[in-house]
C-alpha atoms as a PDB file:
ATOM      1  CA  MET A   1      -5.588  -1.548  20.826  1.00  0.00           C
ATOM      2  CA  ASN A   2      -6.265   1.803  22.036  1.00  0.00           C
ATOM      3  CA  ALA A   3      -5.344   5.267  20.513  1.00  0.00           C
ATOM      4  CA  ALA A   4      -2.560   5.407  22.968  1.00  0.00           C
ATOM      5  CA  ASP A   5      -0.918   2.442  21.515  1.00  0.00           C
ATOM      6  CA  ALA A   6      -1.130   3.584  17.930  1.00  0.00           C
ATOM      7  CA  ASN A   7       0.730   5.886  15.263  1.00  0.00           C
ATOM      8  CA  PRO A   8      -0.609   7.171  12.023  1.00  0.00           C
ATOM      9  CA  VAL A   9       0.478   5.283   9.051  1.00  0.00           C
ATOM     10  CA  THR A  10       2.667   6.359   6.584  1.00  0.00           C
ATOM     11  CA  ILE A  11       1.335   5.288   3.024  1.00  0.00           C
ATOM     12  CA  VAL A  12       3.632   3.781   0.466  1.00  0.00           C
ATOM     13  CA  LEU A  13       2.288   4.098  -3.244  1.00  0.00           C
ATOM     14  CA  ALA A  14       3.771   1.503  -5.544  1.00  0.00           C
ATOM     15  CA  GLU A  15       2.705   2.788  -8.875  1.00  0.00           C
ATOM     16  CA  ASP A  16       4.436   2.730 -11.996  1.00  0.00           C
ATOM     17  CA  ASP A  17       2.077   5.220 -13.902  1.00  0.00           C
ATOM     18  CA  ASP A  18       3.039   8.896 -12.823  1.00  0.00           C
ATOM     19  CA  GLY A  19      -0.521  10.332 -13.888  1.00  0.00           C
ATOM     20  CA  HIS A  20      -2.353   7.666 -11.726  1.00  0.00           C
ATOM     21  CA  ALA A  21       0.159   8.480  -8.534  1.00  0.00           C
ATOM     22  CA  THR A  22      -0.089  12.110  -8.837  1.00  0.00           C
ATOM     23  CA  LEU A  23      -4.049  11.832  -8.813  1.00  0.00           C
ATOM     24  CA  ILE A  24      -3.758   9.433  -5.867  1.00  0.00           C
ATOM     25  CA  GLN A  25      -1.798  11.314  -3.806  1.00  0.00           C
ATOM     26  CA  ARG A  26      -3.503  14.596  -4.648  1.00  0.00           C
ATOM     27  CA  ASN A  27      -6.835  13.419  -4.020  1.00  0.00           C
ATOM     28  CA  LEU A  28      -5.973  11.630  -0.672  1.00  0.00           C
ATOM     29  CA  GLU A  29      -4.616  14.931   0.610  1.00  0.00           C
ATOM     30  CA  ARG A  30      -7.611  16.843  -0.695  1.00  0.00           C
ATOM     31  CA  ALA A  31      -9.514  14.127   1.455  1.00  0.00           C
ATOM     32  CA  GLY A  32      -7.829  15.548   4.402  1.00  0.00           C
ATOM     33  CA  LEU A  33      -5.305  12.808   4.756  1.00  0.00           C
ATOM     34  CA  ALA A  34      -2.136  14.192   6.348  1.00  0.00           C
ATOM     35  CA  ASN A  35      -0.203  11.026   6.349  1.00  0.00           C
ATOM     36  CA  GLY A  36       3.559  10.846   5.304  1.00  0.00           C
ATOM     37  CA  PHE A  37       3.615   9.507   1.673  1.00  0.00           C
ATOM     38  CA  LEU A  38       6.254   7.805  -0.256  1.00  0.00           C
ATOM     39  CA  ARG A  39       5.911   6.918  -4.145  1.00  0.00           C
ATOM     40  CA  LEU A  40       7.629   3.652  -5.378  1.00  0.00           C
ATOM     41  CA  ARG A  41       7.592   3.380  -9.303  1.00  0.00           C
ATOM     42  CA  ASP A  42       7.533  -0.649  -9.714  1.00  0.00           C
ATOM     43  CA  GLY A  43       7.023  -3.983  -8.045  1.00  0.00           C
ATOM     44  CA  GLN A  44      10.881  -4.465  -7.628  1.00  0.00           C
ATOM     45  CA  GLU A  45      11.626  -1.278  -5.859  1.00  0.00           C
ATOM     46  CA  ALA A  46       8.659  -1.908  -3.394  1.00  0.00           C
ATOM     47  CA  LEU A  47      10.226  -5.301  -2.631  1.00  0.00           C
ATOM     48  CA  ASP A  48      13.834  -3.759  -1.973  1.00  0.00           C
ATOM     49  CA  PHE A  49      11.982  -0.998   0.019  1.00  0.00           C
ATOM     50  CA  PHE A  50      10.275  -3.260   2.359  1.00  0.00           C
ATOM     51  CA  ARG A  51      13.214  -5.835   2.571  1.00  0.00           C
ATOM     52  CA  GLY A  52      15.978  -3.026   2.896  1.00  0.00           C
ATOM     53  CA  GLU A  53      17.867  -4.182  -0.179  1.00  0.00           C
ATOM     54  CA  GLY A  54      19.210  -2.535  -3.414  1.00  0.00           C
ATOM     55  CA  ALA A  55      18.869   1.230  -3.187  1.00  0.00           C
ATOM     56  CA  HIS A  56      17.077   0.865  -0.072  1.00  0.00           C
ATOM     57  CA  ALA A  57      19.797  -1.256   1.725  1.00  0.00           C
ATOM     58  CA  GLY A  58      20.309  -0.745   5.526  1.00  0.00           C
ATOM     59  CA  ARG A  59      16.963   0.805   5.823  1.00  0.00           C
ATOM     60  CA  VAL A  60      15.012  -0.261   9.140  1.00  0.00           C
ATOM     61  CA  LEU A  61      11.456  -1.389   8.604  1.00  0.00           C
ATOM     62  CA  ASP A  62       8.992   1.046   9.839  1.00  0.00           C
ATOM     63  CA  PRO A  63       6.041  -0.725  11.637  1.00  0.00           C
ATOM     64  CA  SER A  64       3.792   2.310  10.786  1.00  0.00           C
ATOM     65  CA  LEU A  65       3.508   1.679   6.843  1.00  0.00           C
ATOM     66  CA  LEU A  66       0.507   0.869   4.830  1.00  0.00           C
ATOM     67  CA  LEU A  67       1.184  -0.116   1.124  1.00  0.00           C
ATOM     68  CA  LEU A  68      -1.220   1.028  -1.676  1.00  0.00           C
ATOM     69  CA  LEU A  69      -0.247  -1.280  -4.397  1.00  0.00           C
ATOM     70  CA  ASP A  70      -1.119  -1.338  -8.260  1.00  0.00           C
ATOM     71  CA  ILE A  71      -1.216  -5.067  -9.800  1.00  0.00           C
ATOM     72  CA  LYS A  72       0.039  -3.975 -13.382  1.00  0.00           C
ATOM     73  CA  MET A  73       3.659  -2.952 -12.872  1.00  0.00           C
ATOM     74  CA  PRO A  74       7.024  -3.442 -14.633  1.00  0.00           C
ATOM     75  CA  ARG A  75       9.790  -5.708 -13.289  1.00  0.00           C
ATOM     76  CA  VAL A  76       7.685  -7.503 -10.433  1.00  0.00           C
ATOM     77  CA  ASP A  77       3.749  -7.321 -10.729  1.00  0.00           C
ATOM     78  CA  GLY A  78       1.741  -6.115  -7.508  1.00  0.00           C
ATOM     79  CA  VAL A  79       0.374  -9.894  -7.026  1.00  0.00           C
ATOM     80  CA  GLU A  80       3.865 -10.999  -6.873  1.00  0.00           C
ATOM     81  CA  VAL A  81       4.791  -8.346  -4.458  1.00  0.00           C
ATOM     82  CA  LEU A  82       1.902  -9.109  -2.018  1.00  0.00           C
ATOM     83  CA  ARG A  83       2.933 -12.719  -2.151  1.00  0.00           C
ATOM     84  CA  VAL A  84       6.450 -12.357  -1.119  1.00  0.00           C
ATOM     85  CA  LEU A  85       5.709  -9.676   1.425  1.00  0.00           C
ATOM     86  CA  LYS A  86       3.077 -11.794   2.956  1.00  0.00           C
ATOM     87  CA  ALA A  87       5.230 -14.853   3.215  1.00  0.00           C
ATOM     88  CA  ASP A  88       8.006 -13.195   5.220  1.00  0.00           C
ATOM     89  CA  PRO A  89       7.424 -12.827   8.909  1.00  0.00           C
ATOM     90  CA  ARG A  90       8.977  -9.363   8.976  1.00  0.00           C
ATOM     91  CA  THR A  91       6.677  -7.799   6.455  1.00  0.00           C
ATOM     92  CA  ALA A  92       3.575 -10.296   6.750  1.00  0.00           C
ATOM     93  CA  LEU A  93       1.457  -7.688   8.765  1.00  0.00           C
ATOM     94  CA  ILE A  94       1.923  -4.752   6.693  1.00  0.00           C
ATOM     95  CA  PRO A  95      -1.490  -3.931   5.532  1.00  0.00           C
ATOM     96  CA  VAL A  96      -1.895  -3.776   1.746  1.00  0.00           C
ATOM     97  CA  ILE A  97      -4.344  -2.266  -0.381  1.00  0.00           C
ATOM     98  CA  MET A  98      -4.494  -3.590  -4.030  1.00  0.00           C
ATOM     99  CA  LEU A  99      -5.149  -0.701  -6.330  1.00  0.00           C
ATOM    100  CA  THR A 100      -5.772  -1.873  -9.934  1.00  0.00           C
ATOM    101  CA  THR A 101      -8.074  -1.445 -13.223  1.00  0.00           C
ATOM    102  CA  THR A 102      -8.290  -5.132 -12.956  1.00  0.00           C
ATOM    103  CA  ASP A 103     -11.816  -6.497 -11.678  1.00  0.00           C
ATOM    104  CA  ASP A 104     -11.576 -10.129 -12.704  1.00  0.00           C
ATOM    105  CA  PRO A 105     -13.015 -12.257  -9.857  1.00  0.00           C
ATOM    106  CA  ARG A 106     -10.374 -14.638  -9.822  1.00  0.00           C
ATOM    107  CA  GLU A 107      -7.715 -11.838  -9.556  1.00  0.00           C
ATOM    108  CA  VAL A 108      -9.632 -10.279  -6.751  1.00  0.00           C
ATOM    109  CA  GLN A 109      -9.994 -13.621  -4.681  1.00  0.00           C
ATOM    110  CA  ARG A 110      -6.217 -14.558  -5.392  1.00  0.00           C
ATOM    111  CA  CYS A 111      -5.204 -11.229  -3.695  1.00  0.00           C
ATOM    112  CA  TYR A 112      -7.504 -11.702  -0.854  1.00  0.00           C
ATOM    113  CA  GLN A 113      -6.190 -15.240  -0.535  1.00  0.00           C
ATOM    114  CA  LEU A 114      -2.491 -13.905  -0.599  1.00  0.00           C
ATOM    115  CA  GLY A 115      -3.517 -11.628   2.298  1.00  0.00           C
ATOM    116  CA  CYS A 116      -4.332  -8.083   1.055  1.00  0.00           C
ATOM    117  CA  GLY A 117      -6.681  -6.258   3.119  1.00  0.00           C
ATOM    118  CA  VAL A 118      -8.724  -4.404   0.686  1.00  0.00           C
ATOM    119  CA  TYR A 119      -9.214  -4.600  -3.229  1.00  0.00           C
ATOM    120  CA  VAL A 120      -9.944  -1.212  -4.918  1.00  0.00           C
ATOM    121  CA  THR A 121     -10.682  -0.931  -8.629  1.00  0.00           C
ATOM    122  CA  LYS A 122      -9.472   2.011 -10.241  1.00  0.00           C
ATOM    123  CA  PRO A 123     -12.420   3.231 -12.631  1.00  0.00           C
ATOM    124  CA  VAL A 124     -11.301   3.888 -16.215  1.00  0.00           C
ATOM    125  CA  ASP A 125     -13.677   6.989 -15.951  1.00  0.00           C
ATOM    126  CA  TYR A 126     -11.526  10.261 -14.588  1.00  0.00           C
ATOM    127  CA  GLN A 127     -14.189  11.628 -12.202  1.00  0.00           C
ATOM    128  CA  ALA A 128     -15.196   8.165 -10.912  1.00  0.00           C
ATOM    129  CA  PHE A 129     -11.501   7.487 -10.312  1.00  0.00           C
ATOM    130  CA  ILE A 130     -11.245  10.742  -8.107  1.00  0.00           C
ATOM    131  CA  ASP A 131     -14.391   9.746  -6.324  1.00  0.00           C
ATOM    132  CA  ALA A 132     -12.963   6.398  -5.542  1.00  0.00           C
ATOM    133  CA  VAL A 133      -9.568   8.004  -4.228  1.00  0.00           C
ATOM    134  CA  LYS A 134     -11.450  10.300  -2.357  1.00  0.00           C
ATOM    135  CA  ARG A 135     -13.417   7.561  -0.549  1.00  0.00           C
ATOM    136  CA  LEU A 136      -9.986   5.511   0.087  1.00  0.00           C
ATOM    137  CA  GLY A 137      -9.021   8.834   1.654  1.00  0.00           C
ATOM    138  CA  LEU A 138     -11.683   8.934   3.983  1.00  0.00           C
ATOM    139  CA  PHE A 139     -11.314   5.243   4.929  1.00  0.00           C
ATOM    140  CA  LEU A 140      -7.440   5.746   5.455  1.00  0.00           C
ATOM    141  CA  GLN A 141      -7.991   8.501   7.839  1.00  0.00           C
ATOM    142  CA  VAL A 142      -9.117   5.855  10.590  1.00  0.00           C
ATOM    143  CA  VAL A 143      -6.380   3.264   9.778  1.00  0.00           C
ATOM    144  CA  ARG A 144      -3.727   3.202  12.604  1.00  0.00           C
ATOM    145  CA  ALA A 145      -0.745   0.699  13.021  1.00  0.00           C
ATOM    146  CA  PRO A 146       0.562  -0.567  16.289  1.00  0.00           C
ATOM    147  CA  GLN A 147       3.691   1.296  17.816  1.00  0.00           C
ATOM    148  CA  SER A 148       5.447  -1.999  18.431  1.00  0.00           C
ATOM    149  CA  GLY A 149       5.072  -5.392  19.204  1.00  0.00           C
ATOM    150  CA  ARG A 150       4.917  -6.380  15.539  1.00  0.00           C
ATOM    151  CA  PRO A 151       6.987  -9.284  14.328  1.00  0.00           C
ATOM    152  CA  GLY A 152       9.962  -7.961  12.705  1.00  0.00           C
ATOM    153  CA  GLY A 153       8.908  -4.304  13.580  1.00  0.00           C
ATOM    154  CA  ALA A 154      10.734  -1.894  15.493  1.00  0.00           C
ATOM    155  CA  ALA A 155      10.321  -2.136  19.662  1.00  0.00           C
END
Protein backbone atom coordinates (compact mmCIF):
# COMPACT_ATOMS: atom_id res chain seq x y z
CA MET A 1 0.00 0.00 0.00
CA ASN A 2 1.34 3.43 -0.85
CA ALA A 3 0.40 6.81 0.60
CA ALA A 4 -1.98 7.53 -2.29
CA ASP A 5 -4.06 4.51 -1.25
CA ALA A 6 -4.43 5.55 2.38
CA ASN A 7 -6.37 7.90 4.64
CA PRO A 8 -5.52 9.04 8.15
CA VAL A 9 -7.49 7.02 10.66
CA THR A 10 -10.22 8.31 12.92
CA ILE A 11 -9.50 7.29 16.50
CA VAL A 12 -12.37 5.76 18.45
CA LEU A 13 -11.72 5.61 22.20
CA ALA A 14 -13.83 3.18 24.23
CA GLU A 15 -13.08 4.26 27.80
CA ASP A 16 -15.50 4.49 30.73
CA ASP A 17 -13.26 6.64 32.96
CA ASP A 18 -13.77 10.33 32.11
CA GLY A 19 -10.41 11.33 33.58
CA HIS A 20 -8.51 8.72 31.56
CA ALA A 21 -10.43 9.63 28.40
CA THR A 22 -9.61 13.34 28.80
CA LEU A 23 -5.93 12.61 29.49
CA ILE A 24 -5.68 10.28 26.51
CA GLN A 25 -7.33 12.69 24.08
CA ARG A 26 -5.47 15.76 25.35
CA ASN A 27 -2.08 14.06 25.25
CA LEU A 28 -2.62 12.47 21.84
CA GLU A 29 -3.38 15.98 20.57
CA ARG A 30 -0.30 17.38 22.36
CA ALA A 31 1.79 14.68 20.70
CA GLY A 32 0.70 16.19 17.37
CA LEU A 33 -2.07 13.80 16.44
CA ALA A 34 -4.60 15.72 14.32
CA ASN A 35 -6.85 12.74 13.57
CA GLY A 36 -10.58 12.78 14.18
CA PHE A 37 -11.46 11.56 17.67
CA LEU A 38 -14.64 9.92 18.99
CA ARG A 39 -15.34 8.77 22.56
CA LEU A 40 -17.54 5.83 23.48
CA ARG A 41 -18.31 5.27 27.17
CA ASP A 42 -18.59 1.49 27.50
CA GLY A 43 -18.27 -1.82 25.69
CA GLN A 44 -21.92 -2.02 24.65
CA GLU A 45 -21.77 1.43 23.08
CA ALA A 46 -18.61 0.34 21.23
CA LEU A 47 -20.36 -2.75 19.86
CA ASP A 48 -23.42 -0.70 18.86
CA PHE A 49 -21.19 1.88 17.13
CA PHE A 50 -19.23 -0.64 15.07
CA ARG A 51 -22.28 -2.76 14.21
CA GLY A 52 -24.58 0.20 13.46
CA GLU A 53 -27.09 -0.77 16.16
CA GLY A 54 -28.87 0.89 19.09
CA ALA A 55 -28.16 4.63 19.25
CA HIS A 56 -25.92 4.17 16.18
CA ALA A 57 -28.54 2.36 14.08
CA GLY A 58 -28.12 2.97 10.37
CA ARG A 59 -24.56 4.30 10.68
CA VAL A 60 -22.36 3.14 7.81
CA LEU A 61 -19.08 1.54 8.89
CA ASP A 62 -16.13 3.80 8.08
CA PRO A 63 -13.11 1.73 7.01
CA SER A 64 -10.66 4.34 8.34
CA LEU A 65 -11.13 3.68 12.06
CA LEU A 66 -8.74 2.66 14.79
CA LEU A 67 -10.09 1.53 18.17
CA LEU A 68 -8.37 2.34 21.46
CA LEU A 69 -10.13 -0.12 23.76
CA ASP A 70 -10.11 -0.21 27.56
CA ILE A 71 -10.55 -3.69 29.04
CA LYS A 72 -12.35 -2.93 32.29
CA MET A 73 -15.66 -1.33 31.27
CA PRO A 74 -19.28 -1.70 32.36
CA ARG A 75 -21.94 -3.69 30.48
CA VAL A 76 -19.48 -5.39 28.09
CA ASP A 77 -15.76 -5.58 28.84
CA GLY A 78 -13.10 -4.76 26.27
CA VAL A 79 -11.97 -8.36 25.77
CA GLU A 80 -15.51 -9.32 24.74
CA VAL A 81 -15.72 -6.28 22.43
CA LEU A 82 -12.44 -7.37 20.83
CA ARG A 83 -13.69 -10.96 20.44
CA VAL A 84 -16.97 -9.88 18.82
CA LEU A 85 -15.35 -7.36 16.45
CA LYS A 86 -12.65 -9.78 15.28
CA ALA A 87 -15.22 -12.57 14.73
CA ASP A 88 -17.35 -10.38 12.44
CA PRO A 89 -16.07 -10.09 8.84
CA ARG A 90 -17.44 -6.51 8.66
CA THR A 91 -15.22 -5.35 11.53
CA ALA A 92 -12.41 -7.93 11.66
CA LEU A 93 -9.82 -5.70 9.98
CA ILE A 94 -10.34 -2.67 12.23
CA PRO A 95 -7.07 -2.14 14.12
CA VAL A 96 -7.53 -2.46 17.88
CA ILE A 97 -5.13 -1.18 20.54
CA MET A 98 -5.90 -2.40 24.04
CA LEU A 99 -5.44 0.25 26.77
CA THR A 100 -5.63 -1.12 30.29
CA THR A 101 -4.13 -1.18 33.75
CA THR A 102 -4.04 -4.98 33.55
CA ASP A 103 -0.58 -6.38 32.85
CA ASP A 104 -1.41 -10.03 33.58
CA PRO A 105 0.54 -12.03 30.95
CA ARG A 106 -2.45 -14.34 30.39
CA GLU A 107 -4.69 -11.38 29.63
CA VAL A 108 -2.09 -9.88 27.28
CA GLN A 109 -1.74 -13.21 25.46
CA ARG A 110 -5.51 -13.65 25.22
CA CYS A 111 -5.93 -10.20 23.65
CA TYR A 112 -3.24 -10.90 21.06
CA GLN A 113 -4.81 -14.29 20.29
CA LEU A 114 -8.16 -12.56 19.75
CA GLY A 115 -6.57 -10.15 17.28
CA CYS A 116 -5.52 -6.95 19.00
CA GLY A 117 -2.66 -5.20 17.24
CA VAL A 118 -1.03 -3.57 20.27
CA TYR A 119 -1.47 -3.92 24.04
CA VAL A 120 -0.59 -0.82 26.09
CA THR A 121 -0.58 -0.94 29.89
CA LYS A 122 -1.79 2.29 31.47
CA PRO A 123 0.68 3.07 34.26
CA VAL A 124 -0.83 3.92 37.65
CA ASP A 125 1.61 6.84 38.07
CA TYR A 126 0.19 10.02 36.50
CA GLN A 127 3.37 11.18 34.75
CA ALA A 128 4.14 7.67 33.49
CA PHE A 129 0.58 7.52 32.11
CA ILE A 130 1.05 10.87 30.32
CA ASP A 131 4.38 9.68 28.87
CA ALA A 132 2.82 6.41 27.67
CA VAL A 133 -0.01 8.27 25.91
CA LYS A 134 2.46 10.66 24.25
CA ARG A 135 4.45 7.68 22.93
CA LEU A 136 1.21 6.14 21.69
CA GLY A 137 0.43 9.44 19.93
CA LEU A 138 3.77 9.38 18.14
CA PHE A 139 3.07 5.80 17.04
CA LEU A 140 -0.44 6.65 15.83
CA GLN A 141 0.85 9.51 13.67
CA VAL A 142 2.14 6.94 11.20
CA VAL A 143 -0.84 4.57 11.27
CA ARG A 144 -2.94 4.71 8.13
CA ALA A 145 -5.93 2.74 6.91
CA PRO A 146 -6.85 1.68 3.36
CA GLN A 147 -9.43 3.80 1.52
CA SER A 148 -11.31 0.84 0.09
CA GLY A 149 -11.16 -2.83 -0.62
CA ARG A 150 -11.64 -3.85 3.00
CA PRO A 151 -14.22 -6.58 3.58
CA GLY A 152 -17.39 -4.92 4.78
CA GLY A 153 -15.88 -1.45 4.29
CA ALA A 154 -17.08 1.28 2.01
CA ALA A 155 -15.80 0.96 -1.54
